């Protein structure tokens, strides 16, 4: 297994099968329900730098369709002084997330 194939892996009943990577947004919407797994693959330890959030859908979408999105090109806003912000969801500093 190559280094690029190692790391945390997300699989779900929609057919999504991805390796979780830095600076990549994976957004799963459970809607009426979705079965998924997350586990590490590979033999060696892999540094993990990730954030997982759970957000409650509004009642109007709670029993809606399941979905999975992957966005590998997230906008970055220069904050000055060497600081940068990656826009994951919503909008900030004139940049908007590509998420649905």
PDB file of N, CA and C in Angstrom:
ATOM      1  N   UNK A   1       0.844  -1.167   0.000  1.00  0.00           N
ATOM      2  CA  UNK A   1       0.000   0.000   0.000  1.00  0.00           C
ATOM      3  C   UNK A   1       0.893   1.235   0.000  1.00  0.00           C
ATOM      4  N   UNK A   2       0.666   2.150  -0.915  1.00  0.00           N
ATOM      5  CA  UNK A   2       1.480   3.365  -0.983  1.00  0.00           C
ATOM      6  C   UNK A   2       1.059   4.349   0.090  1.00  0.00           C
ATOM      7  N   UNK A   3       1.900   5.314   0.347  1.00  0.00           N
ATOM      8  CA  UNK A   3       1.626   6.337   1.363  1.00  0.00           C
ATOM      9  C   UNK A   3       0.341   7.091   1.033  1.00  0.00           C
ATOM     10  N   UNK A   4       0.052   7.337  -0.256  1.00  0.00           N
ATOM     11  CA  UNK A   4      -1.155   8.055  -0.655  1.00  0.00           C
ATOM     12  C   UNK A   4      -2.413   7.244  -0.403  1.00  0.00           C
ATOM     13  N   UNK A   5      -2.280   5.927  -0.293  1.00  0.00           N
ATOM     14  CA  UNK A   5      -3.436   5.071  -0.038  1.00  0.00           C
ATOM     15  C   UNK A   5      -3.645   4.823   1.450  1.00  0.00           C
ATOM     16  N   UNK A   6      -2.749   5.347   2.285  1.00  0.00           N
ATOM     17  CA  UNK A   6      -2.852   5.124   3.723  1.00  0.00           C
ATOM     18  C   UNK A   6      -3.556   6.303   4.382  1.00  0.00           C
ATOM     19  N   UNK A   7      -4.150   6.043   5.513  1.00  0.00           N
ATOM     20  CA  UNK A   7      -4.801   7.107   6.274  1.00  0.00           C
ATOM     21  C   UNK A   7      -6.232   6.758   6.592  1.00  0.00           C
ATOM     22  N   UNK A   8      -6.951   7.703   7.183  1.00  0.00           N
ATOM     23  CA  UNK A   8      -8.352   7.469   7.506  1.00  0.00           C
ATOM     24  C   UNK A   8      -9.183   7.328   6.223  1.00  0.00           C
ATOM     25  N   UNK A   9     -10.079   6.379   6.211  1.00  0.00           N
ATOM     26  CA  UNK A   9     -10.890   6.099   5.023  1.00  0.00           C
ATOM     27  C   UNK A   9     -12.370   6.217   5.375  1.00  0.00           C
ATOM     28  N   UNK A  10     -13.124   6.856   4.487  1.00  0.00           N
ATOM     29  CA  UNK A  10     -14.580   6.974   4.645  1.00  0.00           C
ATOM     30  C   UNK A  10     -15.233   6.171   3.536  1.00  0.00           C
ATOM     31  N   UNK A  11     -16.179   5.309   3.918  1.00  0.00           N
ATOM     32  CA  UNK A  11     -16.981   4.552   2.946  1.00  0.00           C
ATOM     33  C   UNK A  11     -18.435   4.647   3.382  1.00  0.00           C
ATOM     34  N   UNK A  12     -19.348   4.680   2.386  1.00  0.00           N
ATOM     35  CA  UNK A  12     -20.762   4.724   2.742  1.00  0.00           C
ATOM     36  C   UNK A  12     -21.606   3.994   1.708  1.00  0.00           C
ATOM     37  N   UNK A  13     -22.889   3.833   2.023  1.00  0.00           N
ATOM     38  CA  UNK A  13     -23.802   3.084   1.160  1.00  0.00           C
ATOM     39  C   UNK A  13     -24.137   3.818  -0.134  1.00  0.00           C
ATOM     40  N   UNK A  14     -23.738   5.074  -0.260  1.00  0.00           N
ATOM     41  CA  UNK A  14     -23.942   5.814  -1.506  1.00  0.00           C
ATOM     42  C   UNK A  14     -22.867   5.472  -2.539  1.00  0.00           C
ATOM     43  N   UNK A  15     -21.830   4.753  -2.103  1.00  0.00           N
ATOM     44  CA  UNK A  15     -20.731   4.398  -2.988  1.00  0.00           C
ATOM     45  C   UNK A  15     -19.496   5.255  -2.794  1.00  0.00           C
ATOM     46  N   UNK A  16     -19.538   6.178  -1.856  1.00  0.00           N
ATOM     47  CA  UNK A  16     -18.371   7.015  -1.554  1.00  0.00           C
ATOM     48  C   UNK A  16     -17.298   6.141  -0.920  1.00  0.00           C
ATOM     49  N   UNK A  17     -16.070   6.315  -1.360  1.00  0.00           N
ATOM     50  CA  UNK A  17     -14.938   5.560  -0.832  1.00  0.00           C
ATOM     51  C   UNK A  17     -13.714   6.444  -0.988  1.00  0.00           C
ATOM     52  N   UNK A  18     -13.373   7.206   0.053  1.00  0.00           N
ATOM     53  CA  UNK A  18     -12.311   8.202  -0.044  1.00  0.00           C
ATOM     54  C   UNK A  18     -11.354   8.101   1.126  1.00  0.00           C
ATOM     55  N   UNK A  19     -10.123   8.503   0.878  1.00  0.00           N
ATOM     56  CA  UNK A  19      -9.141   8.673   1.936  1.00  0.00           C
ATOM     57  C   UNK A  19      -9.266  10.116   2.418  1.00  0.00           C
ATOM     58  N   UNK A  20      -9.387  10.307   3.725  1.00  0.00           N
ATOM     59  CA  UNK A  20      -9.517  11.643   4.298  1.00  0.00           C
ATOM     60  C   UNK A  20      -8.154  12.327   4.220  1.00  0.00           C
ATOM     61  N   UNK A  21      -8.128  13.541   3.656  1.00  0.00           N
ATOM     62  CA  UNK A  21      -6.882  14.285   3.453  1.00  0.00           C
ATOM     63  C   UNK A  21      -6.966  15.676   4.075  1.00  0.00           C
ATOM     64  N   UNK A  22      -5.809  16.240   4.372  1.00  0.00           N
ATOM     65  CA  UNK A  22      -5.722  17.627   4.825  1.00  0.00           C
ATOM     66  C   UNK A  22      -6.245  18.558   3.738  1.00  0.00           C
ATOM     67  N   UNK A  23      -6.878  19.637   4.181  1.00  0.00           N
ATOM     68  CA  UNK A  23      -7.351  20.705   3.300  1.00  0.00           C
ATOM     69  C   UNK A  23      -8.374  20.233   2.270  1.00  0.00           C
ATOM     70  N   UNK A  24      -9.097  19.155   2.583  1.00  0.00           N
ATOM     71  CA  UNK A  24     -10.156  18.631   1.710  1.00  0.00           C
ATOM     72  C   UNK A  24     -11.432  18.534   2.543  1.00  0.00           C
ATOM     73  N   UNK A  25     -12.534  19.019   1.994  1.00  0.00           N
ATOM     74  CA  UNK A  25     -13.819  18.953   2.672  1.00  0.00           C
ATOM     75  C   UNK A  25     -14.590  17.729   2.203  1.00  0.00           C
ATOM     76  N   UNK A  26     -14.938  16.864   3.129  1.00  0.00           N
ATOM     77  CA  UNK A  26     -15.850  15.737   2.879  1.00  0.00           C
ATOM     78  C   UNK A  26     -17.098  16.046   3.678  1.00  0.00           C
ATOM     79  N   UNK A  27     -18.207  16.196   2.993  1.00  0.00           N
ATOM     80  CA  UNK A  27     -19.445  16.587   3.641  1.00  0.00           C
ATOM     81  C   UNK A  27     -20.505  15.526   3.386  1.00  0.00           C
ATOM     82  N   UNK A  28     -20.899  14.834   4.445  1.00  0.00           N
ATOM     83  CA  UNK A  28     -21.919  13.797   4.333  1.00  0.00           C
ATOM     84  C   UNK A  28     -23.211  14.318   4.944  1.00  0.00           C
ATOM     85  N   UNK A  29     -24.293  14.214   4.197  1.00  0.00           N
ATOM     86  CA  UNK A  29     -25.615  14.578   4.690  1.00  0.00           C
ATOM     87  C   UNK A  29     -26.399  13.289   4.883  1.00  0.00           C
ATOM     88  N   UNK A  30     -26.791  13.026   6.119  1.00  0.00           N
ATOM     89  CA  UNK A  30     -27.461  11.754   6.388  1.00  0.00           C
ATOM     90  C   UNK A  30     -28.915  11.758   5.953  1.00  0.00           C
ATOM     91  N   UNK A  31     -29.562  12.909   5.973  1.00  0.00           N
ATOM     92  CA  UNK A  31     -30.969  12.960   5.578  1.00  0.00           C
ATOM     93  C   UNK A  31     -31.779  11.931   6.345  1.00  0.00           C
ATOM     94  N   UNK A  32     -32.472  11.059   5.625  1.00  0.00           N
ATOM     95  CA  UNK A  32     -33.308  10.040   6.257  1.00  0.00           C
ATOM     96  C   UNK A  32     -32.485   8.919   6.887  1.00  0.00           C
ATOM     97  N   UNK A  33     -31.173   8.946   6.712  1.00  0.00           N
ATOM     98  CA  UNK A  33     -30.295   7.947   7.310  1.00  0.00           C
ATOM     99  C   UNK A  33     -29.298   7.420   6.304  1.00  0.00           C
ATOM    100  N   UNK A  34     -28.091   7.182   6.770  1.00  0.00           N
ATOM    101  CA  UNK A  34     -27.031   6.675   5.892  1.00  0.00           C
ATOM    102  C   UNK A  34     -26.096   5.806   6.730  1.00  0.00           C
ATOM    103  N   UNK A  35     -25.700   4.690   6.190  1.00  0.00           N
ATOM    104  CA  UNK A  35     -24.726   3.835   6.867  1.00  0.00           C
ATOM    105  C   UNK A  35     -23.346   4.164   6.315  1.00  0.00           C
ATOM    106  N   UNK A  36     -22.374   4.338   7.220  1.00  0.00           N
ATOM    107  CA  UNK A  36     -21.012   4.641   6.782  1.00  0.00           C
ATOM    108  C   UNK A  36     -20.011   4.094   7.790  1.00  0.00           C
ATOM    109  N   UNK A  37     -18.769   4.045   7.348  1.00  0.00           N
ATOM    110  CA  UNK A  37     -17.686   3.631   8.238  1.00  0.00           C
ATOM    111  C   UNK A  37     -16.514   4.557   8.037  1.00  0.00           C
ATOM    112  N   UNK A  38     -15.757   4.711   9.095  1.00  0.00           N
ATOM    113  CA  UNK A  38     -14.521   5.479   9.057  1.00  0.00           C
ATOM    114  C   UNK A  38     -13.481   4.658   9.799  1.00  0.00           C
ATOM    115  N   UNK A  39     -12.378   4.386   9.136  1.00  0.00           N
ATOM    116  CA  UNK A  39     -11.343   3.588   9.771  1.00  0.00           C
ATOM    117  C   UNK A  39     -10.005   3.892   9.112  1.00  0.00           C
ATOM    118  N   UNK A  40      -8.927   3.556   9.784  1.00  0.00           N
ATOM    119  CA  UNK A  40      -7.588   3.777   9.255  1.00  0.00           C
ATOM    120  C   UNK A  40      -7.149   2.587   8.431  1.00  0.00           C
ATOM    121  N   UNK A  41      -6.437   2.864   7.346  1.00  0.00           N
ATOM    122  CA  UNK A  41      -5.880   1.812   6.508  1.00  0.00           C
ATOM    123  C   UNK A  41      -4.376   2.009   6.410  1.00  0.00           C
ATOM    124  N   UNK A  42      -3.672   0.949   6.151  1.00  0.00           N
ATOM    125  CA  UNK A  42      -2.218   1.005   6.060  1.00  0.00           C
ATOM    126  C   UNK A  42      -1.594   0.400   7.298  1.00  0.00           C
ATOM    127  N   UNK A  43      -0.326   0.090   7.181  1.00  0.00           N
ATOM    128  CA  UNK A  43       0.380  -0.565   8.280  1.00  0.00           C
ATOM    129  C   UNK A  43       1.088   0.401   9.213  1.00  0.00           C
ATOM    130  N   UNK A  44       1.443   1.581   8.696  1.00  0.00           N
ATOM    131  CA  UNK A  44       2.207   2.543   9.481  1.00  0.00           C
ATOM    132  C   UNK A  44       1.296   3.621  10.060  1.00  0.00           C
ATOM    133  N   UNK A  45       1.771   4.250  11.123  1.00  0.00           N
ATOM    134  CA  UNK A  45       1.043   5.381  11.696  1.00  0.00           C
ATOM    135  C   UNK A  45       1.037   6.522  10.679  1.00  0.00           C
ATOM    136  N   UNK A  46      -0.100   7.186  10.558  1.00  0.00           N
ATOM    137  CA  UNK A  46      -0.253   8.306   9.642  1.00  0.00           C
ATOM    138  C   UNK A  46      -0.680   9.515  10.458  1.00  0.00           C
ATOM    139  N   UNK A  47       0.036  10.647  10.321  1.00  0.00           N
ATOM    140  CA  UNK A  47      -0.394  11.837  11.056  1.00  0.00           C
ATOM    141  C   UNK A  47      -1.805  12.235  10.634  1.00  0.00           C
ATOM    142  N   UNK A  48      -2.638  12.546  11.596  1.00  0.00           N
ATOM    143  CA  UNK A  48      -4.013  12.916  11.305  1.00  0.00           C
ATOM    144  C   UNK A  48      -4.243  14.348  11.763  1.00  0.00           C
ATOM    145  N   UNK A  49      -4.675  15.172  10.849  1.00  0.00           N
ATOM    146  CA  UNK A  49      -4.988  16.567  11.119  1.00  0.00           C
ATOM    147  C   UNK A  49      -6.362  16.801  10.516  1.00  0.00           C
ATOM    148  N   UNK A  50      -7.407  16.571  11.299  1.00  0.00           N
ATOM    149  CA  UNK A  50      -8.758  16.627  10.756  1.00  0.00           C
ATOM    150  C   UNK A  50      -9.711  17.216  11.787  1.00  0.00           C
ATOM    151  N   UNK A  51     -10.857  17.607  11.292  1.00  0.00           N
ATOM    152  CA  UNK A  51     -11.915  18.140  12.126  1.00  0.00           C
ATOM    153  C   UNK A  51     -13.213  17.516  11.669  1.00  0.00           C
ATOM    154  N   UNK A  52     -13.968  16.948  12.591  1.00  0.00           N
ATOM    155  CA  UNK A  52     -15.251  16.347  12.250  1.00  0.00           C
ATOM    156  C   UNK A  52     -16.331  17.066  13.045  1.00  0.00           C
ATOM    157  N   UNK A  53     -17.315  17.586  12.321  1.00  0.00           N
ATOM    158  CA  UNK A  53     -18.423  18.297  12.935  1.00  0.00           C
ATOM    159  C   UNK A  53     -19.728  17.602  12.592  1.00  0.00           C
ATOM    160  N   UNK A  54     -20.654  17.636  13.514  1.00  0.00           N
ATOM    161  CA  UNK A  54     -22.002  17.127  13.281  1.00  0.00           C
ATOM    162  C   UNK A  54     -22.936  18.321  13.380  1.00  0.00           C
ATOM    163  N   UNK A  55     -23.763  18.514  12.364  1.00  0.00           N
ATOM    164  CA  UNK A  55     -24.677  19.648  12.326  1.00  0.00           C
ATOM    165  C   UNK A  55     -26.096  19.122  12.172  1.00  0.00           C
ATOM    166  N   UNK A  56     -27.003  19.606  12.993  1.00  0.00           N
ATOM    167  CA  UNK A  56     -28.408  19.189  12.893  1.00  0.00           C
ATOM    168  C   UNK A  56     -29.066  19.906  11.719  1.00  0.00           C
ATOM    169  N   UNK A  57     -29.717  19.126  10.865  1.00  0.00           N
ATOM    170  CA  UNK A  57     -30.432  19.709   9.736  1.00  0.00           C
ATOM    171  C   UNK A  57     -31.731  20.343  10.218  1.00  0.00           C
ATOM    172  N   UNK A  58     -32.190  21.370   9.494  1.00  0.00           N
ATOM    173  CA  UNK A  58     -33.502  21.918   9.858  1.00  0.00           C
ATOM    174  C   UNK A  58     -34.586  20.860   9.652  1.00  0.00           C
ATOM    175  N   UNK A  59     -35.667  20.989  10.362  1.00  0.00           N
ATOM    176  CA  UNK A  59     -36.745  20.004  10.299  1.00  0.00           C
ATOM    177  C   UNK A  59     -37.191  19.730   8.863  1.00  0.00           C
ATOM    178  N   UNK A  60     -37.190  20.751   8.001  1.00  0.00           N
ATOM    179  CA  UNK A  60     -37.638  20.603   6.617  1.00  0.00           C
ATOM    180  C   UNK A  60     -36.737  19.685   5.793  1.00  0.00           C
ATOM    181  N   UNK A  61     -35.482  19.453   6.244  1.00  0.00           N
ATOM    182  CA  UNK A  61     -34.542  18.618   5.493  1.00  0.00           C
ATOM    183  C   UNK A  61     -34.161  17.349   6.241  1.00  0.00           C
ATOM    184  N   UNK A  62     -34.671  17.196   7.432  1.00  0.00           N
ATOM    185  CA  UNK A  62     -34.253  16.095   8.290  1.00  0.00           C
ATOM    186  C   UNK A  62     -34.476  14.722   7.678  1.00  0.00           C
ATOM    187  N   UNK A  63     -35.545  14.518   6.985  1.00  0.00           N
ATOM    188  CA  UNK A  63     -35.836  13.225   6.376  1.00  0.00           C
ATOM    189  C   UNK A  63     -35.606  13.241   4.874  1.00  0.00           C
ATOM    190  N   UNK A  64     -34.737  14.132   4.405  1.00  0.00           N
ATOM    191  CA  UNK A  64     -34.466  14.283   2.971  1.00  0.00           C
ATOM    192  C   UNK A  64     -33.462  13.274   2.440  1.00  0.00           C
ATOM    193  N   UNK A  65     -32.966  13.582   1.280  1.00  0.00           N
ATOM    194  CA  UNK A  65     -32.038  12.693   0.576  1.00  0.00           C
ATOM    195  C   UNK A  65     -30.664  12.670   1.244  1.00  0.00           C
ATOM    196  N   UNK A  66     -30.007  11.526   1.151  1.00  0.00           N
ATOM    197  CA  UNK A  66     -28.637  11.378   1.619  1.00  0.00           C
ATOM    198  C   UNK A  66     -27.705  11.929   0.530  1.00  0.00           C
ATOM    199  N   UNK A  67     -26.529  12.390   0.948  1.00  0.00           N
ATOM    200  CA  UNK A  67     -25.573  12.923  -0.028  1.00  0.00           C
ATOM    201  C   UNK A  67     -24.162  12.866   0.533  1.00  0.00           C
ATOM    202  N   UNK A  68     -23.192  12.879  -0.365  1.00  0.00           N
ATOM    203  CA  UNK A  68     -21.780  12.979   0.014  1.00  0.00           C
ATOM    204  C   UNK A  68     -21.104  13.889  -0.995  1.00  0.00           C
ATOM    205  N   UNK A  69     -20.400  14.894  -0.499  1.00  0.00           N
ATOM    206  CA  UNK A  69     -19.653  15.818  -1.356  1.00  0.00           C
ATOM    207  C   UNK A  69     -18.182  15.784  -0.959  1.00  0.00           C
ATOM    208  N   UNK A  70     -17.323  15.970  -1.942  1.00  0.00           N
ATOM    209  CA  UNK A  70     -15.886  16.084  -1.679  1.00  0.00           C
ATOM    210  C   UNK A  70     -15.375  17.281  -2.459  1.00  0.00           C
ATOM    211  N   UNK A  71     -14.711  18.188  -1.774  1.00  0.00           N
ATOM    212  CA  UNK A  71     -14.170  19.389  -2.398  1.00  0.00           C
ATOM    213  C   UNK A  71     -12.685  19.486  -2.058  1.00  0.00           C
ATOM    214  N   UNK A  72     -11.843  19.369  -3.082  1.00  0.00           N
ATOM    215  CA  UNK A  72     -10.397  19.358  -2.866  1.00  0.00           C
ATOM    216  C   UNK A  72      -9.754  20.722  -3.065  1.00  0.00           C
ATOM    217  N   UNK A  73     -10.500  21.697  -3.566  1.00  0.00           N
ATOM    218  CA  UNK A  73      -9.940  23.023  -3.837  1.00  0.00           C
ATOM    219  C   UNK A  73     -10.726  24.059  -3.045  1.00  0.00           C
ATOM    220  N   UNK A  74     -10.403  24.188  -1.763  1.00  0.00           N
ATOM    221  CA  UNK A  74     -11.091  25.128  -0.895  1.00  0.00           C
ATOM    222  C   UNK A  74     -10.429  26.503  -0.974  1.00  0.00           C
ATOM    223  N   UNK A  75     -11.228  27.580  -0.948  1.00  0.00           N
ATOM    224  CA  UNK A  75     -10.640  28.925  -1.019  1.00  0.00           C
ATOM    225  C   UNK A  75      -9.884  29.274   0.263  1.00  0.00           C
ATOM    226  N   UNK A  76      -8.802  30.017   0.089  1.00  0.00           N
ATOM    227  CA  UNK A  76      -7.980  30.463   1.211  1.00  0.00           C
ATOM    228  C   UNK A  76      -7.951  31.985   1.201  1.00  0.00           C
ATOM    229  N   UNK A  77      -8.150  32.595   2.357  1.00  0.00           N
ATOM    230  CA  UNK A  77      -8.141  34.046   2.507  1.00  0.00           C
ATOM    231  C   UNK A  77      -6.876  34.446   3.258  1.00  0.00           C
ATOM    232  N   UNK A  78      -6.120  35.387   2.692  1.00  0.00           N
ATOM    233  CA  UNK A  78      -4.917  35.901   3.340  1.00  0.00           C
ATOM    234  C   UNK A  78      -5.343  36.910   4.397  1.00  0.00           C
ATOM    235  N   UNK A  79      -4.997  36.655   5.642  1.00  0.00           N
ATOM    236  CA  UNK A  79      -5.377  37.522   6.748  1.00  0.00           C
ATOM    237  C   UNK A  79      -4.290  38.535   7.089  1.00  0.00           C
ATOM    238  N   UNK A  80      -3.156  38.443   6.396  1.00  0.00           N
ATOM    239  CA  UNK A  80      -2.031  39.325   6.682  1.00  0.00           C
ATOM    240  C   UNK A  80      -1.156  38.780   7.786  1.00  0.00           C
ATOM    241  N   UNK A  81       0.056  39.254   7.837  1.00  0.00           N
ATOM    242  CA  UNK A  81       0.981  38.829   8.878  1.00  0.00           C
ATOM    243  C   UNK A  81       1.320  37.351   8.825  1.00  0.00           C
ATOM    244  N   UNK A  82       1.170  36.739   7.648  1.00  0.00           N
ATOM    245  CA  UNK A  82       1.479  35.321   7.494  1.00  0.00           C
ATOM    246  C   UNK A  82       0.336  34.390   7.860  1.00  0.00           C
ATOM    247  N   UNK A  83      -0.794  34.939   8.295  1.00  0.00           N
ATOM    248  CA  UNK A  83      -1.946  34.108   8.669  1.00  0.00           C
ATOM    249  C   UNK A  83      -2.882  33.920   7.476  1.00  0.00           C
ATOM    250  N   UNK A  84      -3.444  32.718   7.392  1.00  0.00           N
ATOM    251  CA  UNK A  84      -4.409  32.410   6.330  1.00  0.00           C
ATOM    252  C   UNK A  84      -5.592  31.666   6.934  1.00  0.00           C
ATOM    253  N   UNK A  85      -6.753  31.795   6.274  1.00  0.00           N
ATOM    254  CA  UNK A  85      -7.951  31.080   6.716  1.00  0.00           C
ATOM    255  C   UNK A  85      -8.499  30.293   5.538  1.00  0.00           C
ATOM    256  N   UNK A  86      -8.797  29.024   5.750  1.00  0.00           N
ATOM    257  CA  UNK A  86      -9.431  28.202   4.729  1.00  0.00           C
ATOM    258  C   UNK A  86     -10.933  28.254   4.959  1.00  0.00           C
ATOM    259  N   UNK A  87     -11.680  28.582   3.907  1.00  0.00           N
ATOM    260  CA  UNK A  87     -13.136  28.684   4.009  1.00  0.00           C
ATOM    261  C   UNK A  87     -13.722  27.301   3.745  1.00  0.00           C
ATOM    262  N   UNK A  88     -14.213  26.666   4.794  1.00  0.00           N
ATOM    263  CA  UNK A  88     -14.732  25.305   4.706  1.00  0.00           C
ATOM    264  C   UNK A  88     -16.218  25.324   4.354  1.00  0.00           C
ATOM    265  N   UNK A  89     -17.003  26.092   5.095  1.00  0.00           N
ATOM    266  CA  UNK A  89     -18.431  26.268   4.806  1.00  0.00           C
ATOM    267  C   UNK A  89     -18.753  27.756   4.924  1.00  0.00           C
ATOM    268  N   UNK A  90     -19.792  28.178   4.233  1.00  0.00           N
ATOM    269  CA  UNK A  90     -20.202  29.581   4.309  1.00  0.00           C
ATOM    270  C   UNK A  90     -19.278  30.478   3.488  1.00  0.00           C
ATOM    271  N   UNK A  91     -19.168  31.719   3.934  1.00  0.00           N
ATOM    272  CA  UNK A  91     -18.351  32.717   3.236  1.00  0.00           C
ATOM    273  C   UNK A  91     -17.552  33.533   4.251  1.00  0.00           C
ATOM    274  N   UNK A  92     -16.379  33.973   3.817  1.00  0.00           N
ATOM    275  CA  UNK A  92     -15.521  34.789   4.685  1.00  0.00           C
ATOM    276  C   UNK A  92     -14.548  35.562   3.822  1.00  0.00           C
ATOM    277  N   UNK A  93     -14.360  36.827   4.103  1.00  0.00           N
ATOM    278  CA  UNK A  93     -13.355  37.631   3.415  1.00  0.00           C
ATOM    279  C   UNK A  93     -13.505  37.683   1.915  1.00  0.00           C
ATOM    280  N   UNK A  94     -14.724  37.597   1.407  1.00  0.00           N
ATOM    281  CA  UNK A  94     -14.969  37.641  -0.033  1.00  0.00           C
ATOM    282  C   UNK A  94     -14.851  36.296  -0.726  1.00  0.00           C
ATOM    283  N   UNK A  95     -14.550  35.244   0.018  1.00  0.00           N
ATOM    284  CA  UNK A  95     -14.449  33.890  -0.555  1.00  0.00           C
ATOM    285  C   UNK A  95     -15.608  33.038  -0.034  1.00  0.00           C
ATOM    286  N   UNK A  96     -16.088  32.125  -0.872  1.00  0.00           N
ATOM    287  CA  UNK A  96     -17.185  31.242  -0.489  1.00  0.00           C
ATOM    288  C   UNK A  96     -16.786  29.787  -0.674  1.00  0.00           C
ATOM    289  N   UNK A  97     -17.252  28.947   0.225  1.00  0.00           N
ATOM    290  CA  UNK A  97     -17.020  27.513   0.116  1.00  0.00           C
ATOM    291  C   UNK A  97     -17.755  26.963  -1.093  1.00  0.00           C
ATOM    292  N   UNK A  98     -17.171  25.984  -1.795  1.00  0.00           N
ATOM    293  CA  UNK A  98     -17.843  25.388  -2.955  1.00  0.00           C
ATOM    294  C   UNK A  98     -18.918  24.373  -2.576  1.00  0.00           C
ATOM    295  N   UNK A  99     -19.081  24.101  -1.289  1.00  0.00           N
ATOM    296  CA  UNK A  99     -20.035  23.085  -0.865  1.00  0.00           C
ATOM    297  C   UNK A  99     -21.461  23.463  -1.278  1.00  0.00           C
ATOM    298  N   UNK A 100     -22.283  22.410  -1.454  1.00  0.00           N
ATOM    299  CA  UNK A 100     -23.679  22.598  -1.861  1.00  0.00           C
ATOM    300  C   UNK A 100     -24.473  23.208  -0.731  1.00  0.00           C
TER     301      UNK A 100
END
